Amino acid sequence: MFKRTVVIVFALCSMLFLQNRAYAQVATLGPAFTGGLNTEIAAAVAANLARRGVVVGAAALAATMSGLSTAAEVATAAGAGIMAVGTSPVWGSVALGVGALAAVGGVAWGTYKLLQNNASSGTTPDGQPMPASITLQVQTSSGSGSSGGGVYYVLPSCTSSCPQGLSLLPNSLPYYSGWSLDKPAISSAVLAGSSGADLANQEAAALARWLCGISTIYQGCSPSIVFAGTSASVEPLPYTLTVSYNVYSGGASSLPVASTYTMPSSATKNPAYVNPNLTGTLTTIAPNITSGMLPMPLPVPLVAAMANQLWQDASAAPGYAGIPYSATAPISAADIAASPVQATFNDLVNATPAQVGASTIPFSTTGTYSTSAGSTTSSGGTTIDDMCVNNPNSVACSTLGSAPSAPTLPASSVQVPMTPWSVGPSSGTCPADKTVNVFGQQLSFSFSPVCKFAQGVQPIVLVLCALAAALIVVAGI
């Protein structure tokens, strides 16, 4: 747990934070090596072998990890143009290169969903769809609405005496203002806008409607807005609403008196606001990635899809000497759960698969990697002993004994005499007819039908007798 804490603290300390329109801390991406996904995938492979009862030697396990390394390097190249921090590929490059993100249909990430968009043609080196871009898509919304138009909403936080018949304040509008002078019947309703200026215009129009609606002596209401500061593009700025109008105190035929009504106001940030969808590269979607999104656990189906495809690619590579991938017993959620490290989205979009200056991507079941630049060693290694420390009851770690010597089997000798046995002549003839005298009449009985029947079944009788004799001989051996 201490080692895991050190790794996470190191990754989080490497982030810089700035403020964006979402009013949340936006993470400044910078490639760092933590080894989180390296460990989770390696441990999942080891757990899969143990679950299947595959006894693995140190050399075979090391060859398997080496194959995963090569497969990850190839996959990284396929997705590096889309998922990279500067010129440094991240683990997201591998996820795109092996088609894992597309295979799981995207993954939920906070209020967004991270999706892979494939090119219309072309495939990666392992035959997966060629990635073209990624999308960070808003997947939740507390309402729907458009800017402008003086549309009123109710706040999601309202619990009692809430306005009826109004939609919830949508998370697609960043500002709202909590007053409704022109709608006294729906107090506690709010206006919402796509910008501070948009909201101010709506408020000014509402103020003008309210003022000219008080009495017929107020006519010609014309609103205007004065923003504090030097630019209305800086969000959100306080502003002053002014309505110019004419007062006809003596009726419509009287001379008007020019007047003004002034009211200060300001926009309130919508706490549920979510930036709109962004499509492109990792750099394109980075403004919507907040610091709170990076520590979120990486979904297990995505990690399993990455591990399975990497292992499958490694097994299909020429010269692979590791344990073959099993399509009938792929890496499962239980295998992923056996890892001592749980990877996060920070590992996917903000961590390189290898340390700076490393020539290969390391895989270890222990996850105790060094984070010094240029180092390619890990204190865990890739031996079977490491897996057995974490899984002492695994079948793969069982101590094998020696089979006992077979006992001497008893022998016996039996003499079976085979002498002919006479059962009558082999050339028999049918008996002569029998003649009897009954009340002075001669009756004759012929044996010919019986003889013909006996001749017909003779082959069958001989075969049955031969089988019976064979059974007697076999039973005596």
Protein backbone atom coordinates (compact mmCIF):
# COMPACT_ATOMS: atom_id res chain seq x y z
CA MET A 1 0.00 0.00 0.00
CA PHE A 2 2.90 2.38 0.80
CA LYS A 3 4.50 1.76 -2.58
CA ARG A 4 1.20 2.35 -4.34
CA THR A 5 0.72 5.61 -2.42
CA VAL A 6 4.20 6.82 -3.41
CA VAL A 7 3.48 6.09 -7.08
CA ILE A 8 0.14 7.93 -7.06
CA VAL A 9 1.57 10.92 -5.16
CA PHE A 10 4.42 11.15 -7.67
CA ALA A 11 1.96 11.17 -10.60
CA LEU A 12 -0.33 13.76 -9.04
CA CYS A 13 2.55 16.06 -8.12
CA SER A 14 3.58 16.15 -11.77
CA MET A 15 0.32 17.93 -12.72
CA LEU A 16 -0.12 21.69 -13.00
CA PHE A 17 -3.55 23.20 -12.63
CA LEU A 18 -5.29 26.12 -14.35
CA GLN A 19 -8.80 27.55 -14.52
CA ASN A 20 -11.08 27.09 -17.56
CA ARG A 21 -14.70 27.83 -18.42
CA ALA A 22 -15.87 24.73 -16.63
CA TYR A 23 -14.72 26.40 -13.37
CA ALA A 24 -12.96 23.20 -12.34
CA GLN A 25 -9.25 22.62 -12.12
CA VAL A 26 -8.09 21.53 -15.53
CA ALA A 27 -5.21 19.08 -15.59
CA THR A 28 -2.14 20.10 -17.56
CA LEU A 29 -1.00 16.85 -19.12
CA GLY A 30 2.66 15.94 -18.93
CA PRO A 31 3.99 12.43 -19.59
CA ALA A 32 5.12 10.55 -16.49
CA PHE A 33 5.99 6.91 -15.88
CA THR A 34 4.21 5.10 -13.07
CA GLY A 35 4.04 1.53 -14.34
CA GLY A 36 0.43 1.20 -13.17
CA LEU A 37 -0.98 -0.34 -16.36
CA ASN A 38 2.23 -2.29 -16.93
CA THR A 39 1.73 -3.96 -13.57
CA GLU A 40 -2.01 -4.52 -13.89
CA ILE A 41 -1.68 -6.23 -17.29
CA ALA A 42 1.30 -8.37 -16.22
CA ALA A 43 -0.45 -9.44 -13.00
CA ALA A 44 -3.61 -10.28 -14.95
CA VAL A 45 -1.63 -12.59 -17.26
CA ALA A 46 -0.05 -14.34 -14.27
CA ALA A 47 -3.44 -14.69 -12.54
CA ASN A 48 -4.96 -16.10 -15.74
CA LEU A 49 -2.24 -18.76 -15.95
CA ALA A 50 -2.75 -19.67 -12.30
CA ARG A 51 -6.53 -19.91 -12.74
CA ARG A 52 -6.07 -22.26 -15.69
CA GLY A 53 -3.62 -24.42 -13.72
CA VAL A 54 -0.75 -23.73 -16.13
CA VAL A 55 2.59 -24.40 -14.45
CA VAL A 56 4.99 -21.72 -15.65
CA GLY A 57 8.74 -21.63 -15.38
CA ALA A 58 10.68 -18.43 -14.87
CA ALA A 59 12.04 -18.47 -18.44
CA ALA A 60 8.59 -18.97 -20.00
CA LEU A 61 7.05 -16.19 -17.91
CA ALA A 62 9.87 -13.82 -18.80
CA ALA A 63 9.42 -14.65 -22.50
CA THR A 64 5.69 -13.95 -22.17
CA MET A 65 6.34 -10.53 -20.62
CA SER A 66 8.89 -9.79 -23.33
CA GLY A 67 6.29 -10.64 -25.97
CA LEU A 68 3.80 -8.26 -24.34
CA SER A 69 6.47 -5.56 -24.42
CA THR A 70 7.04 -5.96 -28.15
CA ALA A 71 3.31 -6.04 -28.89
CA ALA A 72 2.78 -2.84 -26.86
CA GLU A 73 5.57 -1.08 -28.72
CA VAL A 74 3.97 -1.93 -32.07
CA ALA A 75 0.53 -0.82 -30.85
CA THR A 76 1.92 2.43 -29.48
CA ALA A 77 3.08 3.46 -32.93
CA ALA A 78 -0.41 2.95 -34.38
CA GLY A 79 -2.11 5.31 -31.93
CA ALA A 80 0.62 7.80 -31.06
CA GLY A 81 -0.64 10.42 -33.51
CA ILE A 82 -3.91 10.68 -31.57
CA MET A 83 -3.02 9.91 -27.94
CA ALA A 84 0.25 11.59 -27.01
CA VAL A 85 1.50 14.36 -24.74
CA GLY A 86 3.67 16.45 -26.99
CA THR A 87 5.80 13.87 -28.77
CA SER A 88 5.55 11.27 -26.01
CA PRO A 89 3.08 8.40 -26.54
CA VAL A 90 0.89 7.43 -23.61
CA TRP A 91 -0.91 4.21 -22.71
CA GLY A 92 -3.91 5.53 -24.60
CA SER A 93 -1.83 5.07 -27.76
CA VAL A 94 -1.72 1.33 -26.99
CA ALA A 95 -5.47 1.22 -26.28
CA LEU A 96 -6.13 2.73 -29.71
CA GLY A 97 -3.48 0.64 -31.46
CA VAL A 98 -4.96 -2.68 -30.32
CA GLY A 99 -8.56 -1.48 -30.83
CA ALA A 100 -9.44 -1.95 -27.15
CA LEU A 101 -11.31 1.34 -26.75
CA ALA A 102 -13.41 0.58 -29.83
CA ALA A 103 -13.98 -3.03 -28.71
CA VAL A 104 -15.63 -1.97 -25.43
CA GLY A 105 -17.67 0.78 -27.12
CA GLY A 106 -16.00 3.58 -25.17
CA VAL A 107 -15.69 4.07 -21.41
CA ALA A 108 -17.49 6.34 -18.95
CA TRP A 109 -15.22 9.00 -17.53
CA GLY A 110 -16.82 11.29 -14.98
CA THR A 111 -19.59 13.22 -16.72
CA TYR A 112 -18.14 12.24 -20.10
CA LYS A 113 -17.66 9.16 -22.23
CA LEU A 114 -14.34 8.57 -23.99
CA LEU A 115 -14.89 7.16 -27.48
CA GLN A 116 -12.67 5.96 -30.33
CA ASN A 117 -13.55 7.04 -33.86
CA ASN A 118 -12.23 4.78 -36.62
CA ALA A 119 -11.05 5.76 -40.08
CA SER A 120 -13.19 4.75 -43.04
CA SER A 121 -10.43 2.45 -44.27
CA GLY A 122 -7.16 0.90 -43.15
CA THR A 123 -6.19 -1.31 -40.25
CA THR A 124 -3.48 -1.42 -37.59
CA PRO A 125 -0.61 -3.94 -37.85
CA ASP A 126 -2.68 -6.56 -35.98
CA GLY A 127 -5.74 -6.06 -38.17
CA GLN A 128 -7.73 -3.78 -35.85
CA PRO A 129 -9.67 -0.76 -37.21
CA MET A 130 -7.38 2.21 -37.81
CA PRO A 131 -8.17 4.93 -35.23
CA ALA A 132 -8.87 8.40 -36.64
CA SER A 133 -9.70 10.46 -33.53
CA ILE A 134 -11.14 10.37 -30.03
CA THR A 135 -14.22 12.09 -28.60
CA LEU A 136 -14.93 13.24 -25.07
CA GLN A 137 -18.73 13.12 -25.13
CA VAL A 138 -21.05 14.54 -22.49
CA GLN A 139 -23.07 11.60 -21.19
CA THR A 140 -25.25 13.25 -18.55
CA SER A 141 -27.56 16.24 -18.71
CA SER A 142 -29.90 17.65 -16.09
CA GLY A 143 -32.07 19.39 -18.64
CA SER A 144 -32.18 20.83 -22.10
CA GLY A 145 -32.35 24.40 -23.25
CA SER A 146 -30.88 27.05 -25.50
CA SER A 147 -29.33 30.40 -24.74
CA GLY A 148 -31.41 33.55 -25.05
CA GLY A 149 -35.14 33.91 -25.35
CA GLY A 150 -35.83 34.56 -21.70
CA VAL A 151 -36.47 30.89 -20.91
CA TYR A 152 -36.82 30.21 -17.19
CA TYR A 153 -35.55 27.13 -15.36
CA VAL A 154 -35.62 25.72 -11.86
CA LEU A 155 -32.43 24.91 -9.96
CA PRO A 156 -31.72 21.22 -9.26
CA SER A 157 -31.09 22.20 -5.64
CA CYS A 158 -34.69 23.36 -5.17
CA THR A 159 -36.46 21.07 -2.68
CA SER A 160 -39.61 22.99 -1.61
CA SER A 161 -41.96 25.59 -3.13
CA CYS A 162 -40.33 24.97 -6.49
CA PRO A 163 -41.80 26.56 -9.65
CA GLN A 164 -44.07 24.19 -11.50
CA GLY A 165 -43.90 23.39 -15.19
CA LEU A 166 -40.27 24.41 -15.64
CA SER A 167 -37.34 22.31 -16.78
CA LEU A 168 -34.29 21.79 -14.60
CA LEU A 169 -31.36 24.10 -15.21
CA PRO A 170 -29.42 22.25 -17.96
CA ASN A 171 -25.75 21.46 -17.51
CA SER A 172 -25.10 22.78 -21.02
CA LEU A 173 -25.48 26.45 -19.94
CA PRO A 174 -22.65 27.83 -17.77
CA TYR A 175 -24.42 30.84 -16.13
CA TYR A 176 -27.71 31.64 -14.47
CA SER A 177 -29.29 34.55 -12.65
CA GLY A 178 -31.76 33.99 -9.84
CA TRP A 179 -34.43 36.62 -10.29
CA SER A 180 -37.72 36.85 -12.21
CA LEU A 181 -39.09 40.40 -11.99
CA ASP A 182 -41.10 39.96 -15.17
CA LYS A 183 -42.51 36.63 -13.94
CA PRO A 184 -43.73 37.22 -10.36
CA ALA A 185 -45.95 34.15 -10.54
CA ILE A 186 -42.91 31.90 -10.83
CA SER A 187 -40.58 33.31 -8.22
CA SER A 188 -37.44 31.27 -7.56
CA ALA A 189 -37.11 30.64 -11.30
CA VAL A 190 -33.80 31.47 -12.98
CA LEU A 191 -32.65 32.66 -16.38
CA ALA A 192 -29.65 30.87 -17.93
CA GLY A 193 -27.21 31.84 -20.66
CA SER A 194 -24.35 30.52 -22.75
CA SER A 195 -22.16 33.44 -21.61
CA GLY A 196 -22.21 36.34 -19.20
CA ALA A 197 -23.16 38.69 -22.01
CA ASP A 198 -25.97 36.39 -23.17
CA LEU A 199 -27.39 36.23 -19.65
CA ALA A 200 -27.10 40.03 -19.20
CA ASN A 201 -29.04 40.61 -22.43
CA GLN A 202 -31.80 38.28 -21.21
CA GLU A 203 -31.95 40.06 -17.86
CA ALA A 204 -32.08 43.49 -19.50
CA ALA A 205 -34.94 42.40 -21.75
CA ALA A 206 -36.78 40.91 -18.74
CA LEU A 207 -36.26 44.14 -16.79
CA ALA A 208 -37.69 46.19 -19.66
CA ARG A 209 -40.73 43.90 -19.91
CA TRP A 210 -41.30 44.18 -16.20
CA LEU A 211 -40.99 47.97 -16.09
CA CYS A 212 -43.29 48.67 -19.03
CA GLY A 213 -45.72 46.10 -17.72
CA ILE A 214 -46.27 47.88 -14.37
CA SER A 215 -48.49 50.62 -15.82
CA THR A 216 -49.48 52.10 -19.16
CA ILE A 217 -47.78 55.39 -18.22
CA TYR A 218 -44.43 53.65 -18.70
CA GLN A 219 -43.73 53.24 -22.39
CA GLY A 220 -40.85 52.90 -24.81
CA CYS A 221 -38.69 50.83 -22.46
CA SER A 222 -35.24 50.36 -24.02
CA PRO A 223 -32.65 48.31 -22.10
CA SER A 224 -28.87 48.70 -22.10
CA ILE A 225 -26.01 47.02 -20.27
CA VAL A 226 -22.74 48.34 -18.83
CA PHE A 227 -20.17 45.70 -17.88
CA ALA A 228 -17.66 46.24 -15.11
CA GLY A 229 -14.03 46.11 -16.22
CA THR A 230 -12.68 46.54 -19.72
CA SER A 231 -14.06 43.55 -21.67
CA ALA A 232 -17.29 41.63 -21.65
CA SER A 233 -15.39 38.52 -22.83
CA VAL A 234 -13.89 37.95 -19.38
CA GLU A 235 -16.30 35.63 -17.63
CA PRO A 236 -18.18 36.38 -15.52
CA LEU A 237 -18.19 40.18 -15.10
CA PRO A 238 -20.63 42.12 -12.92
CA TYR A 239 -22.84 44.43 -14.93
CA THR A 240 -25.36 47.20 -14.53
CA LEU A 241 -28.73 47.02 -16.27
CA THR A 242 -30.27 50.30 -17.39
CA VAL A 243 -33.70 50.77 -18.93
CA SER A 244 -34.56 54.07 -20.62
CA TYR A 245 -38.29 54.79 -20.83
CA ASN A 246 -40.86 57.58 -21.12
CA VAL A 247 -43.37 58.44 -18.40
CA TYR A 248 -46.76 59.75 -19.52
CA SER A 249 -48.01 60.93 -16.14
CA GLY A 250 -50.93 62.85 -17.63
CA GLY A 251 -52.07 60.11 -19.95
CA ALA A 252 -51.25 59.20 -23.50
CA SER A 253 -51.83 62.82 -24.72
CA SER A 254 -49.45 64.37 -22.18
CA LEU A 255 -45.84 65.18 -22.89
CA PRO A 256 -43.48 62.34 -22.00
CA VAL A 257 -40.83 62.66 -19.35
CA ALA A 258 -37.62 60.75 -20.14
CA SER A 259 -36.51 58.54 -17.25
CA THR A 260 -34.09 55.69 -16.52
CA TYR A 261 -34.16 52.69 -14.20
CA THR A 262 -30.84 51.19 -13.10
CA MET A 263 -30.17 47.85 -11.37
CA PRO A 264 -26.84 46.09 -10.71
CA SER A 265 -26.61 42.36 -11.39
CA SER A 266 -24.14 39.55 -12.09
CA ALA A 267 -24.00 36.04 -13.46
CA THR A 268 -23.76 33.00 -11.18
CA LYS A 269 -21.73 29.99 -12.29
CA ASN A 270 -23.75 26.84 -12.90
CA PRO A 271 -22.07 24.20 -10.67
CA ALA A 272 -23.39 21.40 -12.89
CA TYR A 273 -22.04 22.86 -16.12
CA VAL A 274 -20.21 20.44 -18.40
CA ASN A 275 -18.14 21.58 -21.36
CA PRO A 276 -19.56 20.45 -24.72
CA ASN A 277 -18.27 17.47 -26.69
CA LEU A 278 -14.75 17.68 -28.04
CA THR A 279 -13.37 15.53 -30.87
CA GLY A 280 -9.82 15.26 -32.13
CA THR A 281 -6.59 14.30 -30.41
CA LEU A 282 -5.67 14.15 -26.73
CA THR A 283 -4.55 17.76 -27.02
CA THR A 284 -8.01 18.68 -28.35
CA ILE A 285 -9.94 17.15 -25.45
CA ALA A 286 -7.42 18.19 -22.76
CA PRO A 287 -9.31 21.41 -21.81
CA ASN A 288 -12.23 19.26 -20.61
CA ILE A 289 -10.06 16.91 -18.52
CA THR A 290 -10.14 18.10 -14.93
CA SER A 291 -7.72 17.13 -12.20
CA GLY A 292 -10.52 15.21 -10.48
CA MET A 293 -10.96 12.96 -13.53
CA LEU A 294 -7.37 11.64 -13.62
CA PRO A 295 -7.44 9.55 -10.37
CA MET A 296 -10.65 7.73 -11.43
CA PRO A 297 -10.16 3.93 -11.78
CA LEU A 298 -9.75 2.67 -15.31
CA PRO A 299 -12.74 0.43 -16.20
CA VAL A 300 -11.92 -3.27 -15.96
CA PRO A 301 -13.38 -4.17 -19.40
CA LEU A 302 -10.94 -1.77 -21.08
CA VAL A 303 -7.93 -3.17 -19.22
CA ALA A 304 -9.04 -6.74 -20.01
CA ALA A 305 -9.48 -5.88 -23.70
CA MET A 306 -6.00 -4.34 -23.82
CA ALA A 307 -4.40 -7.29 -22.01
CA ASN A 308 -6.12 -9.92 -24.17
CA GLN A 309 -5.26 -8.23 -27.46
CA LEU A 310 -1.64 -7.61 -26.44
CA TRP A 311 -1.24 -11.24 -25.41
CA GLN A 312 -2.90 -12.41 -28.61
CA ASP A 313 -0.64 -10.16 -30.71
CA ALA A 314 2.43 -11.40 -28.82
CA SER A 315 1.49 -15.06 -29.38
CA ALA A 316 1.07 -14.45 -33.11
CA ALA A 317 4.44 -12.71 -33.49
CA PRO A 318 7.30 -14.67 -35.15
CA GLY A 319 9.79 -16.12 -32.68
CA TYR A 320 7.50 -15.82 -29.66
CA ALA A 321 8.69 -18.22 -26.95
CA GLY A 322 6.23 -17.38 -24.18
CA ILE A 323 3.01 -19.02 -23.02
CA PRO A 324 0.43 -19.09 -25.87
CA TYR A 325 -2.72 -17.02 -25.61
CA SER A 326 -5.91 -19.03 -25.00
CA ALA A 327 -8.97 -17.78 -26.87
CA THR A 328 -11.16 -20.16 -24.85
CA ALA A 329 -9.87 -18.89 -21.50
CA PRO A 330 -9.13 -15.18 -21.97
CA ILE A 331 -8.20 -12.73 -19.24
CA SER A 332 -11.29 -12.04 -17.13
CA ALA A 333 -12.39 -9.40 -14.64
CA ALA A 334 -11.25 -11.72 -11.82
CA ASP A 335 -7.77 -11.87 -13.34
CA ILE A 336 -7.63 -8.06 -13.48
CA ALA A 337 -8.75 -7.85 -9.84
CA ALA A 338 -5.75 -9.98 -8.80
CA SER A 339 -3.36 -7.13 -9.63
CA PRO A 340 -1.67 -5.37 -6.68
CA VAL A 341 -2.15 -2.07 -8.56
CA GLN A 342 -5.36 -0.57 -9.94
CA ALA A 343 -4.64 1.63 -12.96
CA THR A 344 -6.35 5.01 -13.33
CA PHE A 345 -7.22 7.30 -16.21
CA ASN A 346 -4.00 9.13 -15.36
CA ASP A 347 -2.15 5.98 -16.49
CA LEU A 348 -4.14 5.99 -19.73
CA VAL A 349 -3.77 9.61 -20.85
CA ASN A 350 -0.96 11.04 -18.76
CA ALA A 351 1.59 8.25 -18.34
CA THR A 352 4.07 6.79 -20.81
CA PRO A 353 4.31 2.98 -21.16
CA ALA A 354 8.04 3.15 -20.36
CA GLN A 355 10.46 5.40 -18.53
CA VAL A 356 12.22 8.22 -20.34
CA GLY A 357 15.16 6.77 -22.28
CA ALA A 358 14.01 3.15 -21.90
CA SER A 359 14.47 0.90 -24.91
CA THR A 360 11.61 -1.49 -24.04
CA ILE A 361 8.27 -1.40 -22.23
CA PRO A 362 8.67 -3.28 -18.91
CA PHE A 363 6.03 -5.65 -17.54
CA SER A 364 6.16 -6.93 -13.97
CA THR A 365 3.63 -8.55 -11.66
CA THR A 366 4.78 -6.56 -8.62
CA GLY A 367 4.55 -2.96 -9.79
CA THR A 368 7.55 -1.68 -7.82
CA TYR A 369 9.09 0.34 -10.64
CA SER A 370 11.75 2.96 -10.29
CA THR A 371 10.69 6.37 -11.61
CA SER A 372 14.15 7.78 -12.26
CA ALA A 373 14.67 9.09 -15.78
CA GLY A 374 16.56 6.76 -18.06
CA SER A 375 16.28 3.74 -15.79
CA THR A 376 14.83 0.56 -17.26
CA THR A 377 15.04 -1.68 -14.20
CA SER A 378 12.35 -2.70 -11.77
CA SER A 379 12.77 -4.15 -8.34
CA GLY A 380 10.09 -6.71 -9.12
CA GLY A 381 11.47 -8.50 -12.15
CA THR A 382 9.47 -11.07 -14.10
CA THR A 383 10.24 -14.37 -12.37
CA ILE A 384 7.70 -16.92 -11.28
CA ASP A 385 8.86 -16.42 -7.71
CA ASP A 386 7.30 -12.94 -7.68
CA MET A 387 3.87 -14.33 -8.54
CA CYS A 388 4.17 -17.01 -5.87
CA VAL A 389 4.86 -14.40 -3.20
CA ASN A 390 1.50 -12.82 -3.95
CA ASN A 391 -0.28 -16.10 -4.71
CA PRO A 392 1.25 -18.79 -2.48
CA ASN A 393 -1.76 -21.11 -2.94
CA SER A 394 -1.70 -20.93 -6.72
CA VAL A 395 -1.54 -24.23 -8.61
CA ALA A 396 1.37 -22.81 -10.59
CA CYS A 397 3.33 -22.41 -7.37
CA SER A 398 2.70 -25.91 -5.99
CA THR A 399 5.72 -28.01 -5.02
CA LEU A 400 5.81 -31.07 -7.24
CA GLY A 401 7.01 -34.41 -5.79
CA SER A 402 8.14 -37.69 -7.43
CA ALA A 403 5.83 -40.48 -8.52
CA PRO A 404 6.30 -43.75 -6.50
CA SER A 405 7.87 -46.83 -8.15
CA ALA A 406 5.35 -49.25 -9.65
CA PRO A 407 4.96 -52.58 -7.73
CA THR A 408 5.89 -55.94 -9.35
CA LEU A 409 2.82 -57.44 -10.95
CA PRO A 410 2.12 -61.22 -10.20
CA ALA A 411 2.48 -63.68 -13.12
CA SER A 412 0.66 -67.01 -13.75
CA SER A 413 0.76 -69.78 -16.40
CA VAL A 414 -2.26 -71.87 -17.49
CA GLN A 415 -2.25 -74.76 -19.98
CA VAL A 416 -5.42 -74.90 -22.10
CA PRO A 417 -5.73 -78.18 -24.11
CA MET A 418 -7.17 -77.84 -27.58
CA THR A 419 -8.34 -81.40 -28.66
CA PRO A 420 -11.05 -82.19 -31.21
CA TRP A 421 -14.42 -83.34 -29.89
CA SER A 422 -16.61 -85.53 -32.12
CA VAL A 423 -20.22 -84.51 -32.31
CA GLY A 424 -21.22 -86.74 -35.22
CA PRO A 425 -20.36 -87.09 -38.87
CA SER A 426 -19.84 -83.92 -40.88
CA SER A 427 -21.81 -85.34 -43.86
CA GLY A 428 -25.15 -86.14 -42.26
CA THR A 429 -28.29 -86.89 -44.25
CA CYS A 430 -31.91 -86.13 -43.66
CA PRO A 431 -33.79 -89.05 -41.96
CA ALA A 432 -36.22 -91.09 -44.06
CA ASP A 433 -39.94 -90.37 -43.89
CA LYS A 434 -41.87 -92.02 -41.04
CA THR A 435 -44.94 -94.10 -41.95
CA VAL A 436 -47.66 -95.10 -39.44
CA ASN A 437 -50.93 -97.04 -39.74
CA VAL A 438 -53.93 -95.29 -38.31
CA PHE A 439 -57.29 -97.11 -38.51
CA GLY A 440 -56.10 -98.96 -41.51
CA GLN A 441 -54.79 -95.82 -43.25
CA GLN A 442 -51.09 -95.25 -44.03
CA LEU A 443 -49.85 -91.81 -42.91
CA SER A 444 -46.37 -90.53 -43.90
CA PHE A 445 -44.38 -87.76 -42.01
CA SER A 446 -41.50 -86.08 -43.90
CA PHE A 447 -38.38 -84.56 -42.13
CA SER A 448 -37.49 -82.52 -45.24
CA PRO A 449 -38.82 -79.12 -43.98
CA VAL A 450 -36.86 -79.47 -40.71
CA CYS A 451 -33.73 -80.45 -42.57
CA LYS A 452 -33.99 -77.47 -44.90
CA PHE A 453 -34.39 -75.13 -41.89
CA ALA A 454 -31.36 -76.66 -40.17
CA GLN A 455 -29.30 -76.19 -43.31
CA GLY A 456 -30.40 -72.53 -43.50
CA VAL A 457 -29.40 -71.61 -39.91
CA GLN A 458 -26.17 -73.60 -40.00
CA PRO A 459 -23.91 -70.56 -40.77
CA ILE A 460 -25.49 -68.52 -37.95
CA VAL A 461 -25.01 -71.32 -35.43
CA LEU A 462 -21.39 -71.73 -36.45
CA VAL A 463 -20.67 -67.98 -36.04
CA LEU A 464 -22.32 -67.89 -32.59
CA CYS A 465 -20.34 -70.90 -31.51
CA ALA A 466 -17.11 -69.35 -32.73
CA LEU A 467 -17.82 -66.16 -30.71
CA ALA A 468 -18.62 -68.22 -27.61
CA ALA A 469 -15.37 -70.12 -28.01
CA ALA A 470 -13.41 -66.91 -28.40
CA LEU A 471 -14.94 -65.48 -25.24
CA ILE A 472 -14.03 -68.63 -23.32
CA VAL A 473 -10.43 -68.40 -24.49
CA VAL A 474 -10.12 -64.65 -23.77
CA ALA A 475 -11.63 -65.02 -20.29
CA GLY A 476 -9.05 -67.67 -19.44
CA ILE A 477 -6.03 -65.56 -20.38
